[in-house]
Amino acid sequence: MRSEWTARRRDVHAGPMRVLFFLLLSTSATVAETRICVENGGDHTHLFTTETREGTRQTAMLGPGGRLCSGPTRAADGIVGVFETPDALEGCGRIIPVGTTETLLAYAEFDRCHWSTHDR
């Protein structure tokens, strides 16, 4: 009798937990699909930016392997960029589709950076 009650009790709680899991999973997928991200695949720390078409800009100093994502946007694309230092006037920028991550492979002055999508 006791094991039958335990099995029923587990079933009662399993349903809502499954729903919560799938809700969280679909919410995180939706959030990722409404952002643009940039990743530092190079060997040095640089200033990275993301900018949505609505004008919301995020900036961060990213070391090798670091990643920066924009806030949610309703636009189809956005702009990611990198500057050698926070004081630099010139940098490299790319327009990328929402829901993607652009990776900097090598920084070079005068907008000659090597990005992961160059080879595609």
PDB file of N, CA and C in Angstrom:
ATOM      1  N   MET A   1       0.821  -1.201   0.000  1.00  0.00           N
ATOM      2  CA  MET A   1       0.000   0.000   0.000  1.00  0.00           C
ATOM      3  C   MET A   1       0.867   1.269   0.000  1.00  0.00           C
ATOM      4  N   ARG A   2       1.887   1.254   0.803  1.00  0.00           N
ATOM      5  CA  ARG A   2       2.723   2.432   0.910  1.00  0.00           C
ATOM      6  C   ARG A   2       3.443   2.743  -0.407  1.00  0.00           C
ATOM      7  N   SER A   3       3.985   1.753  -1.102  1.00  0.00           N
ATOM      8  CA  SER A   3       4.687   2.001  -2.357  1.00  0.00           C
ATOM      9  C   SER A   3       3.731   2.494  -3.438  1.00  0.00           C
ATOM     10  N   GLU A   4       2.487   2.044  -3.408  1.00  0.00           N
ATOM     11  CA  GLU A   4       1.488   2.520  -4.369  1.00  0.00           C
ATOM     12  C   GLU A   4       1.216   4.007  -4.152  1.00  0.00           C
ATOM     13  N   TRP A   5       1.120   4.454  -2.902  1.00  0.00           N
ATOM     14  CA  TRP A   5       0.880   5.862  -2.585  1.00  0.00           C
ATOM     15  C   TRP A   5       2.084   6.710  -3.015  1.00  0.00           C
ATOM     16  N   THR A   6       3.296   6.183  -2.775  1.00  0.00           N
ATOM     17  CA  THR A   6       4.503   6.906  -3.164  1.00  0.00           C
ATOM     18  C   THR A   6       4.563   7.072  -4.675  1.00  0.00           C
ATOM     19  N   ALA A   7       4.224   6.044  -5.415  1.00  0.00           N
ATOM     20  CA  ALA A   7       4.241   6.124  -6.878  1.00  0.00           C
ATOM     21  C   ALA A   7       3.236   7.145  -7.377  1.00  0.00           C
ATOM     22  N   ARG A   8       2.026   7.173  -6.782  1.00  0.00           N
ATOM     23  CA  ARG A   8       1.020   8.167  -7.183  1.00  0.00           C
ATOM     24  C   ARG A   8       1.492   9.578  -6.876  1.00  0.00           C
ATOM     25  N   ARG A   9       2.121   9.758  -5.705  1.00  0.00           N
ATOM     26  CA  ARG A   9       2.582  11.074  -5.301  1.00  0.00           C
ATOM     27  C   ARG A   9       3.669  11.570  -6.260  1.00  0.00           C
ATOM     28  N   ARG A  10       4.573  10.684  -6.673  1.00  0.00           N
ATOM     29  CA  ARG A  10       5.605  11.043  -7.637  1.00  0.00           C
ATOM     30  C   ARG A  10       4.988  11.494  -8.957  1.00  0.00           C
ATOM     31  N   ASP A  11       3.959  10.790  -9.431  1.00  0.00           N
ATOM     32  CA  ASP A  11       3.297  11.150 -10.683  1.00  0.00           C
ATOM     33  C   ASP A  11       2.646  12.519 -10.599  1.00  0.00           C
ATOM     34  N   VAL A  12       2.082  12.851  -9.448  1.00  0.00           N
ATOM     35  CA  VAL A  12       1.425  14.151  -9.270  1.00  0.00           C
ATOM     36  C   VAL A  12       2.433  15.274  -9.428  1.00  0.00           C
ATOM     37  N   HIS A  13       3.645  15.093  -8.892  1.00  0.00           N
ATOM     38  CA  HIS A  13       4.656  16.151  -8.958  1.00  0.00           C
ATOM     39  C   HIS A  13       5.444  16.137 -10.263  1.00  0.00           C
ATOM     40  N   ALA A  14       5.491  15.009 -10.949  1.00  0.00           N
ATOM     41  CA  ALA A  14       6.260  14.921 -12.186  1.00  0.00           C
ATOM     42  C   ALA A  14       5.658  15.777 -13.290  1.00  0.00           C
ATOM     43  N   GLY A  15       4.342  15.843 -13.378  1.00  0.00           N
ATOM     44  CA  GLY A  15       3.678  16.625 -14.426  1.00  0.00           C
ATOM     45  C   GLY A  15       4.049  18.093 -14.394  1.00  0.00           C
ATOM     46  N   PRO A  16       3.845  18.778 -13.251  1.00  0.00           N
ATOM     47  CA  PRO A  16       4.204  20.198 -13.205  1.00  0.00           C
ATOM     48  C   PRO A  16       5.697  20.456 -13.409  1.00  0.00           C
ATOM     49  N   MET A  17       6.544  19.561 -12.932  1.00  0.00           N
ATOM     50  CA  MET A  17       7.986  19.749 -13.114  1.00  0.00           C
ATOM     51  C   MET A  17       8.367  19.621 -14.591  1.00  0.00           C
ATOM     52  N   ARG A  18       7.735  18.694 -15.303  1.00  0.00           N
ATOM     53  CA  ARG A  18       8.000  18.562 -16.735  1.00  0.00           C
ATOM     54  C   ARG A  18       7.594  19.829 -17.470  1.00  0.00           C
ATOM     55  N   VAL A  19       6.434  20.355 -17.123  1.00  0.00           N
ATOM     56  CA  VAL A  19       5.954  21.586 -17.758  1.00  0.00           C
ATOM     57  C   VAL A  19       6.919  22.725 -17.474  1.00  0.00           C
ATOM     58  N   LEU A  20       7.373  22.858 -16.228  1.00  0.00           N
ATOM     59  CA  LEU A  20       8.315  23.913 -15.866  1.00  0.00           C
ATOM     60  C   LEU A  20       9.618  23.763 -16.639  1.00  0.00           C
ATOM     61  N   PHE A  21      10.134  22.539 -16.754  1.00  0.00           N
ATOM     62  CA  PHE A  21      11.365  22.287 -17.488  1.00  0.00           C
ATOM     63  C   PHE A  21      11.225  22.721 -18.945  1.00  0.00           C
ATOM     64  N   PHE A  22      10.156  22.310 -19.607  1.00  0.00           N
ATOM     65  CA  PHE A  22       9.978  22.666 -21.016  1.00  0.00           C
ATOM     66  C   PHE A  22       9.732  24.158 -21.190  1.00  0.00           C
ATOM     67  N   LEU A  23       9.062  24.783 -20.233  1.00  0.00           N
ATOM     68  CA  LEU A  23       8.850  26.227 -20.294  1.00  0.00           C
ATOM     69  C   LEU A  23      10.183  26.959 -20.192  1.00  0.00           C
ATOM     70  N   LEU A  24      11.037  26.553 -19.251  1.00  0.00           N
ATOM     71  CA  LEU A  24      12.350  27.183 -19.117  1.00  0.00           C
ATOM     72  C   LEU A  24      13.210  26.936 -20.343  1.00  0.00           C
ATOM     73  N   LEU A  25      13.154  25.748 -20.882  1.00  0.00           N
ATOM     74  CA  LEU A  25      13.928  25.418 -22.073  1.00  0.00           C
ATOM     75  C   LEU A  25      13.498  26.272 -23.257  1.00  0.00           C
ATOM     76  N   SER A  26      12.200  26.395 -23.481  1.00  0.00           N
ATOM     77  CA  SER A  26      11.725  27.184 -24.618  1.00  0.00           C
ATOM     78  C   SER A  26      11.971  28.664 -24.401  1.00  0.00           C
ATOM     79  N   THR A  27      11.929  29.144 -23.145  1.00  0.00           N
ATOM     80  CA  THR A  27      12.196  30.551 -22.872  1.00  0.00           C
ATOM     81  C   THR A  27      13.646  30.878 -23.166  1.00  0.00           C
ATOM     82  N   SER A  28      14.591  30.025 -22.762  1.00  0.00           N
ATOM     83  CA  SER A  28      15.994  30.321 -23.028  1.00  0.00           C
ATOM     84  C   SER A  28      16.284  30.267 -24.519  1.00  0.00           C
ATOM     85  N   ALA A  29      15.643  29.383 -25.256  1.00  0.00           N
ATOM     86  CA  ALA A  29      15.834  29.334 -26.705  1.00  0.00           C
ATOM     87  C   ALA A  29      15.312  30.608 -27.338  1.00  0.00           C
ATOM     88  N   THR A  30      14.169  31.098 -26.885  1.00  0.00           N
ATOM     89  CA  THR A  30      13.591  32.322 -27.421  1.00  0.00           C
ATOM     90  C   THR A  30      14.492  33.515 -27.136  1.00  0.00           C
ATOM     91  N   VAL A  31      15.037  33.597 -25.929  1.00  0.00           N
ATOM     92  CA  VAL A  31      15.925  34.699 -25.579  1.00  0.00           C
ATOM     93  C   VAL A  31      17.154  34.683 -26.479  1.00  0.00           C
ATOM     94  N   ALA A  32      17.755  33.510 -26.689  1.00  0.00           N
ATOM     95  CA  ALA A  32      18.941  33.414 -27.542  1.00  0.00           C
ATOM     96  C   ALA A  32      18.628  33.826 -28.976  1.00  0.00           C
ATOM     97  N   GLU A  33      17.434  33.539 -29.448  1.00  0.00           N
ATOM     98  CA  GLU A  33      17.055  33.880 -30.814  1.00  0.00           C
ATOM     99  C   GLU A  33      16.788  35.365 -31.001  1.00  0.00           C
ATOM    100  N   THR A  34      16.724  36.136 -29.915  1.00  0.00           N
ATOM    101  CA  THR A  34      16.455  37.564 -30.029  1.00  0.00           C
ATOM    102  C   THR A  34      17.673  38.410 -29.662  1.00  0.00           C
ATOM    103  N   ARG A  35      18.834  37.805 -29.609  1.00  0.00           N
ATOM    104  CA  ARG A  35      20.058  38.513 -29.238  1.00  0.00           C
ATOM    105  C   ARG A  35      21.145  38.300 -30.294  1.00  0.00           C
ATOM    106  N   ILE A  36      22.130  39.185 -30.267  1.00  0.00           N
ATOM    107  CA  ILE A  36      23.341  38.970 -31.050  1.00  0.00           C
ATOM    108  C   ILE A  36      24.490  38.826 -30.056  1.00  0.00           C
ATOM    109  N   CYS A  37      25.465  38.000 -30.394  1.00  0.00           N
ATOM    110  CA  CYS A  37      26.586  37.773 -29.487  1.00  0.00           C
ATOM    111  C   CYS A  37      27.898  37.871 -30.248  1.00  0.00           C
ATOM    112  N   VAL A  38      28.935  38.228 -29.504  1.00  0.00           N
ATOM    113  CA  VAL A  38      30.289  38.288 -30.047  1.00  0.00           C
ATOM    114  C   VAL A  38      31.197  37.561 -29.064  1.00  0.00           C
ATOM    115  N   GLU A  39      32.178  36.850 -29.621  1.00  0.00           N
ATOM    116  CA  GLU A  39      33.077  36.038 -28.803  1.00  0.00           C
ATOM    117  C   GLU A  39      34.520  36.332 -29.178  1.00  0.00           C
ATOM    118  N   ASN A  40      35.388  36.324 -28.175  1.00  0.00           N
ATOM    119  CA  ASN A  40      36.804  36.567 -28.412  1.00  0.00           C
ATOM    120  C   ASN A  40      37.512  35.229 -28.627  1.00  0.00           C
ATOM    121  N   GLY A  41      37.801  34.915 -29.886  1.00  0.00           N
ATOM    122  CA  GLY A  41      38.540  33.708 -30.222  1.00  0.00           C
ATOM    123  C   GLY A  41      40.017  33.982 -30.418  1.00  0.00           C
ATOM    124  N   GLY A  42      40.436  35.200 -30.105  1.00  0.00           N
ATOM    125  CA  GLY A  42      41.843  35.579 -30.255  1.00  0.00           C
ATOM    126  C   GLY A  42      42.641  35.311 -28.994  1.00  0.00           C
ATOM    127  N   ASP A  43      43.884  35.813 -28.996  1.00  0.00           N
ATOM    128  CA  ASP A  43      44.810  35.567 -27.886  1.00  0.00           C
ATOM    129  C   ASP A  43      44.935  36.742 -26.916  1.00  0.00           C
ATOM    130  N   HIS A  44      44.306  37.876 -27.224  1.00  0.00           N
ATOM    131  CA  HIS A  44      44.476  39.081 -26.407  1.00  0.00           C
ATOM    132  C   HIS A  44      43.129  39.617 -25.931  1.00  0.00           C
ATOM    133  N   THR A  45      43.167  40.417 -24.887  1.00  0.00           N
ATOM    134  CA  THR A  45      41.973  41.069 -24.359  1.00  0.00           C
ATOM    135  C   THR A  45      41.704  42.341 -25.164  1.00  0.00           C
ATOM    136  N   HIS A  46      40.435  42.528 -25.555  1.00  0.00           N
ATOM    137  CA  HIS A  46      40.023  43.708 -26.318  1.00  0.00           C
ATOM    138  C   HIS A  46      38.670  44.192 -25.808  1.00  0.00           C
ATOM    139  N   LEU A  47      38.286  45.401 -26.231  1.00  0.00           N
ATOM    140  CA  LEU A  47      36.963  45.939 -25.929  1.00  0.00           C
ATOM    141  C   LEU A  47      35.990  45.470 -27.004  1.00  0.00           C
ATOM    142  N   PHE A  48      34.945  44.762 -26.618  1.00  0.00           N
ATOM    143  CA  PHE A  48      33.934  44.264 -27.547  1.00  0.00           C
ATOM    144  C   PHE A  48      32.626  45.004 -27.328  1.00  0.00           C
ATOM    145  N   THR A  49      31.845  45.123 -28.408  1.00  0.00           N
ATOM    146  CA  THR A  49      30.555  45.801 -28.328  1.00  0.00           C
ATOM    147  C   THR A  49      29.483  44.989 -29.063  1.00  0.00           C
ATOM    148  N   THR A  50      28.265  45.142 -28.605  1.00  0.00           N
ATOM    149  CA  THR A  50      27.088  44.692 -29.352  1.00  0.00           C
ATOM    150  C   THR A  50      26.145  45.877 -29.401  1.00  0.00           C
ATOM    151  N   GLU A  51      25.470  46.050 -30.520  1.00  0.00           N
ATOM    152  CA  GLU A  51      24.516  47.150 -30.639  1.00  0.00           C
ATOM    153  C   GLU A  51      23.309  46.691 -31.437  1.00  0.00           C
ATOM    154  N   THR A  52      22.136  46.859 -30.836  1.00  0.00           N
ATOM    155  CA  THR A  52      20.900  46.499 -31.527  1.00  0.00           C
ATOM    156  C   THR A  52      20.479  47.648 -32.432  1.00  0.00           C
ATOM    157  N   ARG A  53      19.592  47.375 -33.354  1.00  0.00           N
ATOM    158  CA  ARG A  53      19.089  48.423 -34.255  1.00  0.00           C
ATOM    159  C   ARG A  53      18.290  49.469 -33.490  1.00  0.00           C
ATOM    160  N   GLU A  54      17.826  49.118 -32.298  1.00  0.00           N
ATOM    161  CA  GLU A  54      17.109  50.089 -31.463  1.00  0.00           C
ATOM    162  C   GLU A  54      18.079  51.034 -30.763  1.00  0.00           C
ATOM    163  N   GLY A  55      19.387  50.750 -30.885  1.00  0.00           N
ATOM    164  CA  GLY A  55      20.399  51.639 -30.313  1.00  0.00           C
ATOM    165  C   GLY A  55      20.921  51.222 -28.947  1.00  0.00           C
ATOM    166  N   THR A  56      20.523  50.080 -28.433  1.00  0.00           N
ATOM    167  CA  THR A  56      21.019  49.615 -27.138  1.00  0.00           C
ATOM    168  C   THR A  56      22.398  49.002 -27.334  1.00  0.00           C
ATOM    169  N   ARG A  57      23.363  49.522 -26.580  1.00  0.00           N
ATOM    170  CA  ARG A  57      24.749  49.087 -26.748  1.00  0.00           C
ATOM    171  C   ARG A  57      25.278  48.466 -25.465  1.00  0.00           C
ATOM    172  N   GLN A  58      25.973  47.351 -25.624  1.00  0.00           N
ATOM    173  CA  GLN A  58      26.662  46.684 -24.519  1.00  0.00           C
ATOM    174  C   GLN A  58      28.150  46.720 -24.835  1.00  0.00           C
ATOM    175  N   THR A  59      28.989  46.922 -23.827  1.00  0.00           N
ATOM    176  CA  THR A  59      30.437  46.883 -24.016  1.00  0.00           C
ATOM    177  C   THR A  59      31.071  46.089 -22.882  1.00  0.00           C
ATOM    178  N   ALA A  60      32.169  45.427 -23.191  1.00  0.00           N
ATOM    179  CA  ALA A  60      32.910  44.691 -22.158  1.00  0.00           C
ATOM    180  C   ALA A  60      34.309  44.380 -22.658  1.00  0.00           C
ATOM    181  N   MET A  61      35.247  44.402 -21.739  1.00  0.00           N
ATOM    182  CA  MET A  61      36.594  43.923 -22.028  1.00  0.00           C
ATOM    183  C   MET A  61      36.540  42.408 -21.927  1.00  0.00           C
ATOM    184  N   LEU A  62      36.863  41.737 -23.033  1.00  0.00           N
ATOM    185  CA  LEU A  62      36.806  40.282 -23.062  1.00  0.00           C
ATOM    186  C   LEU A  62      38.191  39.703 -23.284  1.00  0.00           C
ATOM    187  N   GLY A  63      38.563  38.795 -22.414  1.00  0.00           N
ATOM    188  CA  GLY A  63      39.790  38.041 -22.606  1.00  0.00           C
ATOM    189  C   GLY A  63      39.524  36.890 -23.563  1.00  0.00           C
ATOM    190  N   PRO A  64      40.540  36.130 -23.892  1.00  0.00           N
ATOM    191  CA  PRO A  64      40.359  34.976 -24.773  1.00  0.00           C
ATOM    192  C   PRO A  64      39.251  34.051 -24.270  1.00  0.00           C
ATOM    193  N   GLY A  65      38.324  33.706 -25.166  1.00  0.00           N
ATOM    194  CA  GLY A  65      37.201  32.839 -24.817  1.00  0.00           C
ATOM    195  C   GLY A  65      36.007  33.566 -24.239  1.00  0.00           C
ATOM    196  N   GLY A  66      36.130  34.880 -23.988  1.00  0.00           N
ATOM    197  CA  GLY A  66      35.026  35.654 -23.423  1.00  0.00           C
ATOM    198  C   GLY A  66      33.908  35.866 -24.438  1.00  0.00           C
ATOM    199  N   ARG A  67      32.702  36.115 -23.910  1.00  0.00           N
ATOM    200  CA  ARG A  67      31.524  36.289 -24.772  1.00  0.00           C
ATOM    201  C   ARG A  67      30.656  37.413 -24.244  1.00  0.00           C
ATOM    202  N   LEU A  68      30.084  38.191 -25.162  1.00  0.00           N
ATOM    203  CA  LEU A  68      29.185  39.298 -24.834  1.00  0.00           C
ATOM    204  C   LEU A  68      27.952  39.204 -25.717  1.00  0.00           C
ATOM    205  N   CYS A  69      26.772  39.323 -25.102  1.00  0.00           N
ATOM    206  CA  CYS A  69      25.517  39.282 -25.865  1.00  0.00           C
ATOM    207  C   CYS A  69      24.733  40.561 -25.636  1.00  0.00           C
ATOM    208  N   SER A  70      23.979  40.940 -26.644  1.00  0.00           N
ATOM    209  CA  SER A  70      23.121  42.124 -26.554  1.00  0.00           C
ATOM    210  C   SER A  70      21.885  41.794 -25.732  1.00  0.00           C
ATOM    211  N   GLY A  71      21.117  42.831 -25.469  1.00  0.00           N
ATOM    212  CA  GLY A  71      19.793  42.616 -24.926  1.00  0.00           C
ATOM    213  C   GLY A  71      18.879  42.158 -26.051  1.00  0.00           C
ATOM    214  N   PRO A  72      17.659  41.757 -25.737  1.00  0.00           N
ATOM    215  CA  PRO A  72      16.723  41.310 -26.771  1.00  0.00           C
ATOM    216  C   PRO A  72      16.440  42.425 -27.787  1.00  0.00           C
ATOM    217  N   THR A  73      16.237  42.018 -29.025  1.00  0.00           N
ATOM    218  CA  THR A  73      15.915  42.968 -30.093  1.00  0.00           C
ATOM    219  C   THR A  73      14.813  42.380 -30.969  1.00  0.00           C
ATOM    220  N   ARG A  74      14.051  43.240 -31.574  1.00  0.00           N
ATOM    221  CA  ARG A  74      13.017  42.803 -32.518  1.00  0.00           C
ATOM    222  C   ARG A  74      13.502  42.880 -33.962  1.00  0.00           C
ATOM    223  N   ALA A  75      14.691  43.433 -34.139  1.00  0.00           N
ATOM    224  CA  ALA A  75      15.253  43.589 -35.490  1.00  0.00           C
ATOM    225  C   ALA A  75      15.764  42.248 -36.016  1.00  0.00           C
ATOM    226  N   ALA A  76      16.054  42.213 -37.302  1.00  0.00           N
ATOM    227  CA  ALA A  76      16.563  40.990 -37.933  1.00  0.00           C
ATOM    228  C   ALA A  76      18.074  40.854 -37.786  1.00  0.00           C
ATOM    229  N   ASP A  77      18.757  41.976 -37.492  1.00  0.00           N
ATOM    230  CA  ASP A  77      20.207  41.924 -37.352  1.00  0.00           C
ATOM    231  C   ASP A  77      20.674  42.974 -36.356  1.00  0.00           C
ATOM    232  N   GLY A  78      21.974  42.964 -36.090  1.00  0.00           N
ATOM    233  CA  GLY A  78      22.580  43.929 -35.184  1.00  0.00           C
ATOM    234  C   GLY A  78      24.057  44.040 -35.519  1.00  0.00           C
ATOM    235  N   ILE A  79      24.771  44.842 -34.750  1.00  0.00           N
ATOM    236  CA  ILE A  79      26.174  45.121 -35.043  1.00  0.00           C
ATOM    237  C   ILE A  79      27.038  44.687 -33.858  1.00  0.00           C
ATOM    238  N   VAL A  80      28.095  43.938 -34.167  1.00  0.00           N
ATOM    239  CA  VAL A  80      29.093  43.607 -33.157  1.00  0.00           C
ATOM    240  C   VAL A  80      30.390  44.277 -33.562  1.00  0.00           C
ATOM    241  N   GLY A  81      31.218  44.605 -32.584  1.00  0.00           N
ATOM    242  CA  GLY A  81      32.467  45.271 -32.890  1.00  0.00           C
ATOM    243  C   GLY A  81      33.540  44.961 -31.868  1.00  0.00           C
ATOM    244  N   VAL A  82      34.763  45.314 -32.234  1.00  0.00           N
ATOM    245  CA  VAL A  82      35.901  45.141 -31.343  1.00  0.00           C
ATOM    246  C   VAL A  82      36.861  46.307 -31.531  1.00  0.00           C
ATOM    247  N   PHE A  83      37.445  46.759 -30.424  1.00  0.00           N
ATOM    248  CA  PHE A  83      38.439  47.821 -30.417  1.00  0.00           C
ATOM    249  C   PHE A  83      39.656  47.304 -29.664  1.00  0.00           C
ATOM    250  N   GLU A  84      40.831  47.720 -30.091  1.00  0.00           N
ATOM    251  CA  GLU A  84      42.046  47.230 -29.452  1.00  0.00           C
ATOM    252  C   GLU A  84      42.075  47.576 -27.968  1.00  0.00           C
ATOM    253  N   THR A  85      41.699  48.816 -27.640  1.00  0.00           N
ATOM    254  CA  THR A  85      41.642  49.282 -26.244  1.00  0.00           C
ATOM    255  C   THR A  85      40.399  50.152 -26.079  1.00  0.00           C
ATOM    256  N   PRO A  86      40.014  50.454 -24.850  1.00  0.00           N
ATOM    257  CA  PRO A  86      38.860  51.352 -24.646  1.00  0.00           C
ATOM    258  C   PRO A  86      39.074  52.755 -25.217  1.00  0.00           C
ATOM    259  N   ASP A  87      40.328  53.191 -25.362  1.00  0.00           N
ATOM    260  CA  ASP A  87      40.634  54.528 -25.889  1.00  0.00           C
ATOM    261  C   ASP A  87      40.757  54.572 -27.402  1.00  0.00           C
ATOM    262  N   ALA A  88      40.731  53.437 -28.065  1.00  0.00           N
ATOM    263  CA  ALA A  88      40.920  53.388 -29.523  1.00  0.00           C
ATOM    264  C   ALA A  88      39.756  54.053 -30.246  1.00  0.00           C
ATOM    265  N   LEU A  89      40.064  54.774 -31.306  1.00  0.00           N
ATOM    266  CA  LEU A  89      39.031  55.421 -32.111  1.00  0.00           C
ATOM    267  C   LEU A  89      38.572  54.526 -33.255  1.00  0.00           C
ATOM    268  N   GLU A  90      39.453  53.693 -33.755  1.00  0.00           N
ATOM    269  CA  GLU A  90      39.149  52.793 -34.867  1.00  0.00           C
ATOM    270  C   GLU A  90      39.018  51.364 -34.345  1.00  0.00           C
ATOM    271  N   GLY A  91      38.121  50.613 -34.963  1.00  0.00           N
ATOM    272  CA  GLY A  91      37.954  49.211 -34.601  1.00  0.00           C
ATOM    273  C   GLY A  91      37.401  48.441 -35.785  1.00  0.00           C
ATOM    274  N   CYS A  92      36.885  47.260 -35.512  1.00  0.00           N
ATOM    275  CA  CYS A  92      36.294  46.415 -36.545  1.00  0.00           C
ATOM    276  C   CYS A  92      34.846  46.141 -36.175  1.00  0.00           C
ATOM    277  N   GLY A  93      33.976  46.204 -37.161  1.00  0.00           N
ATOM    278  CA  GLY A  93      32.564  45.939 -36.915  1.00  0.00           C
ATOM    279  C   GLY A  93      31.979  44.995 -37.951  1.00  0.00           C
ATOM    280  N   ARG A  94      30.927  44.292 -37.558  1.00  0.00           N
ATOM    281  CA  ARG A  94      30.232  43.356 -38.455  1.00  0.00           C
ATOM    282  C   ARG A  94      28.744  43.450 -38.196  1.00  0.00           C
ATOM    283  N   ILE A  95      27.960  43.356 -39.243  1.00  0.00           N
ATOM    284  CA  ILE A  95      26.507  43.216 -39.125  1.00  0.00           C
ATOM    285  C   ILE A  95      26.223  41.720 -39.156  1.00  0.00           C
ATOM    286  N   ILE A  96      25.507  41.239 -38.132  1.00  0.00           N
ATOM    287  CA  ILE A  96      25.213  39.805 -38.062  1.00  0.00           C
ATOM    288  C   ILE A  96      23.727  39.590 -37.803  1.00  0.00           C
ATOM    289  N   PRO A  97      23.187  38.461 -38.239  1.00  0.00           N
ATOM    290  CA  PRO A  97      21.773  38.158 -37.991  1.00  0.00           C
ATOM    291  C   PRO A  97      21.516  37.890 -36.510  1.00  0.00           C
ATOM    292  N   VAL A  98      20.350  38.242 -36.056  1.00  0.00           N
ATOM    293  CA  VAL A  98      19.942  37.950 -34.683  1.00  0.00           C
ATOM    294  C   VAL A  98      19.931  36.437 -34.489  1.00  0.00           C
ATOM    295  N   GLY A  99      20.327  36.007 -33.299  1.00  0.00           N
ATOM    296  CA  GLY A  99      20.355  34.584 -32.978  1.00  0.00           C
ATOM    297  C   GLY A  99      21.684  33.921 -33.305  1.00  0.00           C
ATOM    298  N   THR A 100      22.694  34.728 -33.665  1.00  0.00           N
ATOM    299  CA  THR A 100      23.999  34.155 -33.999  1.00  0.00           C
ATOM    300  C   THR A 100      25.093  34.752 -33.125  1.00  0.00           C
ATOM    301  N   THR A 101      26.230  34.084 -33.129  1.00  0.00           N
ATOM    302  CA  THR A 101      27.428  34.559 -32.443  1.00  0.00           C
ATOM    303  C   THR A 101      28.535  34.707 -33.475  1.00  0.00           C
ATOM    304  N   GLU A 102      29.151  35.874 -33.509  1.00  0.00           N
ATOM    305  CA  GLU A 102      30.306  36.120 -34.384  1.00  0.00           C
ATOM    306  C   GLU A 102      31.553  36.025 -33.513  1.00  0.00           C
ATOM    307  N   THR A 103      32.551  35.309 -33.996  1.00  0.00           N
ATOM    308  CA  THR A 103      33.783  35.108 -33.228  1.00  0.00           C
ATOM    309  C   THR A 103      34.944  35.837 -33.894  1.00  0.00           C
ATOM    310  N   LEU A 104      35.628  36.668 -33.109  1.00  0.00           N
ATOM    311  CA  LEU A 104      36.846  37.314 -33.591  1.00  0.00           C
ATOM    312  C   LEU A 104      37.971  36.297 -33.522  1.00  0.00           C
ATOM    313  N   LEU A 105      38.622  36.036 -34.650  1.00  0.00           N
ATOM    314  CA  LEU A 105      39.735  35.097 -34.681  1.00  0.00           C
ATOM    315  C   LEU A 105      41.071  35.812 -34.525  1.00  0.00           C
ATOM    316  N   ALA A 106      41.182  37.022 -35.098  1.00  0.00           N
ATOM    317  CA  ALA A 106      42.418  37.808 -34.976  1.00  0.00           C
ATOM    318  C   ALA A 106      42.102  39.278 -35.157  1.00  0.00           C
ATOM    319  N   TYR A 107      42.635  40.110 -34.261  1.00  0.00           N
ATOM    320  CA  TYR A 107      42.434  41.554 -34.364  1.00  0.00           C
ATOM    321  C   TYR A 107      43.492  42.153 -35.286  1.00  0.00           C
ATOM    322  N   ALA A 108      43.064  43.089 -36.137  1.00  0.00           N
ATOM    323  CA  ALA A 108      43.979  43.844 -36.999  1.00  0.00           C
ATOM    324  C   ALA A 108      43.439  45.264 -37.126  1.00  0.00           C
ATOM    325  N   GLU A 109      44.320  46.233 -37.206  1.00  0.00           N
ATOM    326  CA  GLU A 109      43.889  47.631 -37.294  1.00  0.00           C
ATOM    327  C   GLU A 109      43.190  47.930 -38.611  1.00  0.00           C
ATOM    328  N   PHE A 110      42.484  49.046 -38.623  1.00  0.00           N
ATOM    329  CA  PHE A 110      41.831  49.596 -39.805  1.00  0.00           C
ATOM    330  C   PHE A 110      40.774  48.656 -40.391  1.00  0.00           C
ATOM    331  N   ASP A 111      39.966  48.085 -39.545  1.00  0.00           N
ATOM    332  CA  ASP A 111      38.825  47.250 -39.954  1.00  0.00           C
ATOM    333  C   ASP A 111      39.246  46.054 -40.811  1.00  0.00           C
ATOM    334  N   ARG A 112      40.368  45.462 -40.458  1.00  0.00           N
ATOM    335  CA  ARG A 112      40.853  44.286 -41.181  1.00  0.00           C
ATOM    336  C   ARG A 112      40.870  43.054 -40.275  1.00  0.00           C
ATOM    337  N   CYS A 113      39.989  42.992 -39.309  1.00  0.00           N
ATOM    338  CA  CYS A 113      39.942  41.861 -38.383  1.00  0.00           C
ATOM    339  C   CYS A 113      39.513  40.591 -39.111  1.00  0.00           C
ATOM    340  N   HIS A 114      39.936  39.472 -38.579  1.00  0.00           N
ATOM    341  CA  HIS A 114      39.549  38.177 -39.145  1.00  0.00           C
ATOM    342  C   HIS A 114      38.440  37.589 -38.270  1.00  0.00           C
ATOM    343  N   TRP A 115      37.256  37.465 -38.857  1.00  0.00           N
ATOM    344  CA  TRP A 115      36.070  36.960 -38.156  1.00  0.00           C
ATOM    345  C   TRP A 115      35.763  35.527 -38.608  1.00  0.00           C
ATOM    346  N   SER A 116      35.068  34.814 -37.767  1.00  0.00           N
ATOM    347  CA  SER A 116      34.750  33.410 -38.073  1.00  0.00           C
ATOM    348  C   SER A 116      33.909  33.245 -39.347  1.00  0.00           C
ATOM    349  N   THR A 117      33.094  34.228 -39.662  1.00  0.00           N
ATOM    350  CA  THR A 117      32.237  34.108 -40.855  1.00  0.00           C
ATOM    351  C   THR A 117      32.967  34.470 -42.152  1.00  0.00           C
ATOM    352  N   HIS A 118      34.206  34.939 -42.074  1.00  0.00           N
ATOM    353  CA  HIS A 118      34.970  35.231 -43.298  1.00  0.00           C
ATOM    354  C   HIS A 118      35.180  33.976 -44.130  1.00  0.00           C
ATOM    355  N   ASP A 119      35.278  32.839 -43.489  1.00  0.00           N
ATOM    356  CA  ASP A 119      35.581  31.601 -44.195  1.00  0.00           C
ATOM    357  C   ASP A 119      34.326  30.870 -44.674  1.00  0.00           C
ATOM    358  N   ARG A 120      33.179  31.434 -44.464  1.00  0.00           N
ATOM    359  CA  ARG A 120      31.925  30.762 -44.855  1.00  0.00           C
ATOM    360  C   ARG A 120      31.441  31.266 -46.171  1.00  0.00           C
TER     361      ARG A 120
END
